[in-house]
Amino acid sequence: MTEDLAKDEEEYVGYVKTVAATRATMLSLFSGFTFSTITILPGQLPDPSNLVSQFVFFFLVVLFDLFLFLLAWNTVIVVGTYKVSYAPERANYELTLFNLVLIVVFVLWGWSVVLIFLLRELYYLALASGVLWAAVIVISLAVMRQTIKHLGWSVKEELKKM
């Protein structure tokens, strides 16, 4: 029975390693393209405050937020499945610090879209995007917490090791 569990875990880790790079590349490409569209398009339209334009922007924001959510989730799954035995203490510190900074960067990158809309005086779109992004952050934290719990990786334990 124990051998079957070890084999299943090994296959799962192998699967994650195989698809992780492809997923990360694809999601990074899509989120980067969507972000570029959101940043360039408001300056190119004659009237970005038009209702149709704002609907398109909001659709792009939904896509962007979903791509960031999936990218973050993929990252947590990858980090949670890599079991490194006998890692040097400094490596644990650097990985934990990097992951914390990465979370901050994800959150700030999502808020940058809201700020872009504020710069173009699209207040209702900025408000809707901000509410959506706040909801994505809350949902992300809940999903990431469940994923980390399922994988048996503890952020608190990592912070204690620091």
Protein backbone atom coordinates (compact mmCIF):
# COMPACT_ATOMS: atom_id res chain seq x y z
CA MET A 1 0.00 0.00 0.00
CA THR A 2 2.78 2.42 0.90
CA GLU A 3 4.59 1.57 -2.31
CA ASP A 4 1.44 2.39 -4.31
CA LEU A 5 1.16 5.79 -2.60
CA ALA A 6 4.82 6.55 -3.25
CA LYS A 7 4.41 5.54 -6.90
CA ASP A 8 1.27 7.69 -7.26
CA GLU A 9 3.04 10.66 -5.67
CA GLU A 10 6.08 10.18 -7.91
CA GLU A 11 3.87 10.07 -11.00
CA TYR A 12 1.98 13.19 -9.87
CA VAL A 13 5.21 15.10 -9.27
CA GLY A 14 6.47 13.96 -12.68
CA TYR A 15 3.24 15.13 -14.28
CA VAL A 16 3.49 18.54 -12.58
CA LYS A 17 7.11 18.96 -13.66
CA THR A 18 6.19 18.04 -17.23
CA VAL A 19 3.30 20.48 -17.66
CA ALA A 20 4.41 23.27 -15.30
CA ALA A 21 6.78 25.00 -17.71
CA THR A 22 4.30 24.83 -20.58
CA ARG A 23 1.50 26.21 -18.43
CA ALA A 24 3.65 28.99 -17.00
CA THR A 25 4.87 30.00 -20.46
CA MET A 26 1.38 29.97 -21.95
CA LEU A 27 -0.21 31.89 -19.07
CA SER A 28 2.64 34.43 -18.98
CA LEU A 29 2.27 35.01 -22.71
CA PHE A 30 -1.51 35.44 -22.49
CA SER A 31 -1.39 37.68 -19.42
CA GLY A 32 1.38 39.80 -20.96
CA PHE A 33 -0.55 40.21 -24.19
CA THR A 34 -3.73 41.10 -22.31
CA PHE A 35 -1.87 43.57 -20.09
CA SER A 36 -0.27 45.20 -23.14
CA THR A 37 -3.66 45.52 -24.79
CA ILE A 38 -5.13 47.10 -21.66
CA THR A 39 -2.28 49.61 -21.42
CA ILE A 40 -2.08 50.58 -25.10
CA LEU A 41 -5.71 50.54 -26.17
CA PRO A 42 -7.07 53.39 -23.98
CA GLY A 43 -4.64 55.83 -25.61
CA GLN A 44 -5.54 54.70 -29.12
CA LEU A 45 -9.31 54.98 -28.92
CA PRO A 46 -10.96 58.31 -29.69
CA ASP A 47 -13.43 57.87 -26.80
CA PRO A 48 -12.39 55.18 -24.29
CA SER A 49 -15.28 56.21 -22.02
CA ASN A 50 -17.77 54.84 -24.57
CA LEU A 51 -19.92 52.06 -23.05
CA VAL A 52 -18.80 49.48 -25.62
CA SER A 53 -15.14 50.37 -25.06
CA GLN A 54 -15.55 50.01 -21.32
CA PHE A 55 -17.27 46.65 -21.76
CA VAL A 56 -14.33 45.44 -23.87
CA PHE A 57 -11.86 46.76 -21.29
CA PHE A 58 -13.71 44.98 -18.51
CA PHE A 59 -13.70 41.75 -20.51
CA LEU A 60 -9.93 42.12 -20.94
CA VAL A 61 -9.56 42.77 -17.21
CA VAL A 62 -11.51 39.58 -16.43
CA LEU A 63 -9.18 37.63 -18.74
CA PHE A 64 -6.09 39.26 -17.23
CA ASP A 65 -7.24 38.48 -13.68
CA LEU A 66 -7.97 34.87 -14.62
CA PHE A 67 -4.57 34.46 -16.23
CA LEU A 68 -2.85 35.84 -13.12
CA PHE A 69 -4.93 33.59 -10.87
CA LEU A 70 -4.03 30.50 -12.90
CA LEU A 71 -0.37 31.50 -13.08
CA ALA A 72 -0.20 31.95 -9.30
CA TRP A 73 -2.02 28.66 -8.73
CA ASN A 74 0.37 26.85 -11.06
CA THR A 75 3.31 28.35 -9.18
CA VAL A 76 1.96 27.19 -5.82
CA ILE A 77 1.38 23.67 -7.15
CA VAL A 78 4.91 23.51 -8.57
CA VAL A 79 6.53 24.80 -5.37
CA GLY A 80 4.39 22.48 -3.25
CA THR A 81 5.29 19.36 -5.23
CA TYR A 82 9.04 19.89 -5.37
CA LYS A 83 10.36 18.06 -2.33
CA VAL A 84 14.00 18.90 -1.89
CA SER A 85 15.76 16.83 0.74
CA TYR A 86 18.57 18.40 2.71
CA ALA A 87 18.26 21.85 1.19
CA PRO A 88 20.74 24.35 2.65
CA GLU A 89 19.23 26.71 5.22
CA ARG A 90 20.00 29.73 3.04
CA ALA A 91 18.08 28.16 0.14
CA ASN A 92 14.99 27.77 2.34
CA TYR A 93 15.27 31.42 3.40
CA GLU A 94 15.70 32.65 -0.17
CA LEU A 95 12.83 30.53 -1.51
CA THR A 96 10.47 31.69 1.24
CA LEU A 97 11.45 35.33 0.77
CA PHE A 98 11.16 35.01 -3.02
CA ASN A 99 7.69 33.49 -2.74
CA LEU A 100 6.50 36.27 -0.42
CA VAL A 101 7.82 38.95 -2.79
CA LEU A 102 6.26 37.10 -5.73
CA ILE A 103 2.85 37.26 -4.05
CA VAL A 104 3.27 41.02 -3.52
CA VAL A 105 4.26 41.47 -7.17
CA PHE A 106 1.20 39.52 -8.38
CA VAL A 107 -1.08 41.68 -6.25
CA LEU A 108 0.54 44.96 -7.33
CA TRP A 109 0.53 43.96 -10.99
CA GLY A 110 -3.21 43.36 -10.79
CA TRP A 111 -3.76 46.77 -9.16
CA SER A 112 -1.78 48.46 -11.93
CA VAL A 113 -4.68 47.86 -14.33
CA VAL A 114 -6.99 49.76 -11.99
CA LEU A 115 -4.49 52.63 -11.87
CA ILE A 116 -4.30 52.73 -15.67
CA PHE A 117 -8.06 53.24 -15.83
CA LEU A 118 -7.84 55.96 -13.18
CA LEU A 119 -5.22 57.76 -15.29
CA ARG A 120 -7.65 57.77 -18.22
CA GLU A 121 -10.47 59.01 -15.94
CA LEU A 122 -12.51 55.84 -16.42
CA TYR A 123 -13.73 55.88 -12.83
CA TYR A 124 -16.53 53.30 -13.02
CA LEU A 125 -14.32 50.89 -14.94
CA ALA A 126 -11.56 51.41 -12.39
CA LEU A 127 -14.03 50.74 -9.57
CA ALA A 128 -15.40 47.59 -11.22
CA SER A 129 -11.87 46.37 -11.99
CA GLY A 130 -10.77 47.09 -8.43
CA VAL A 131 -13.68 45.17 -6.94
CA LEU A 132 -13.02 42.28 -9.31
CA TRP A 133 -9.31 42.24 -8.48
CA ALA A 134 -10.05 42.33 -4.72
CA ALA A 135 -12.39 39.35 -5.21
CA VAL A 136 -9.71 37.51 -7.20
CA ILE A 137 -7.20 38.12 -4.39
CA VAL A 138 -9.59 36.71 -1.77
CA ILE A 139 -10.50 33.70 -3.94
CA SER A 140 -6.82 33.13 -4.76
CA LEU A 141 -5.85 33.11 -1.10
CA ALA A 142 -8.59 30.58 -0.34
CA VAL A 143 -7.67 28.31 -3.25
CA MET A 144 -3.93 28.58 -2.59
CA ARG A 145 -4.46 27.80 1.09
CA GLN A 146 -6.44 24.66 0.23
CA THR A 147 -3.86 23.61 -2.37
CA ILE A 148 -0.97 24.12 0.02
CA LYS A 149 -2.85 22.26 2.75
CA HIS A 150 -3.56 19.39 0.36
CA LEU A 151 0.08 19.20 -0.71
CA GLY A 152 1.27 19.25 2.92
CA TRP A 153 3.37 22.38 2.59
CA SER A 154 3.18 24.92 5.42
CA VAL A 155 4.02 28.57 4.94
CA LYS A 156 4.14 29.00 8.72
CA GLU A 157 6.72 26.22 9.00
CA GLU A 158 8.79 27.83 6.24
CA LEU A 159 8.69 31.18 8.04
CA LYS A 160 9.70 29.51 11.33
CA LYS A 161 12.74 28.00 9.59
CA MET A 162 13.85 31.47 8.56
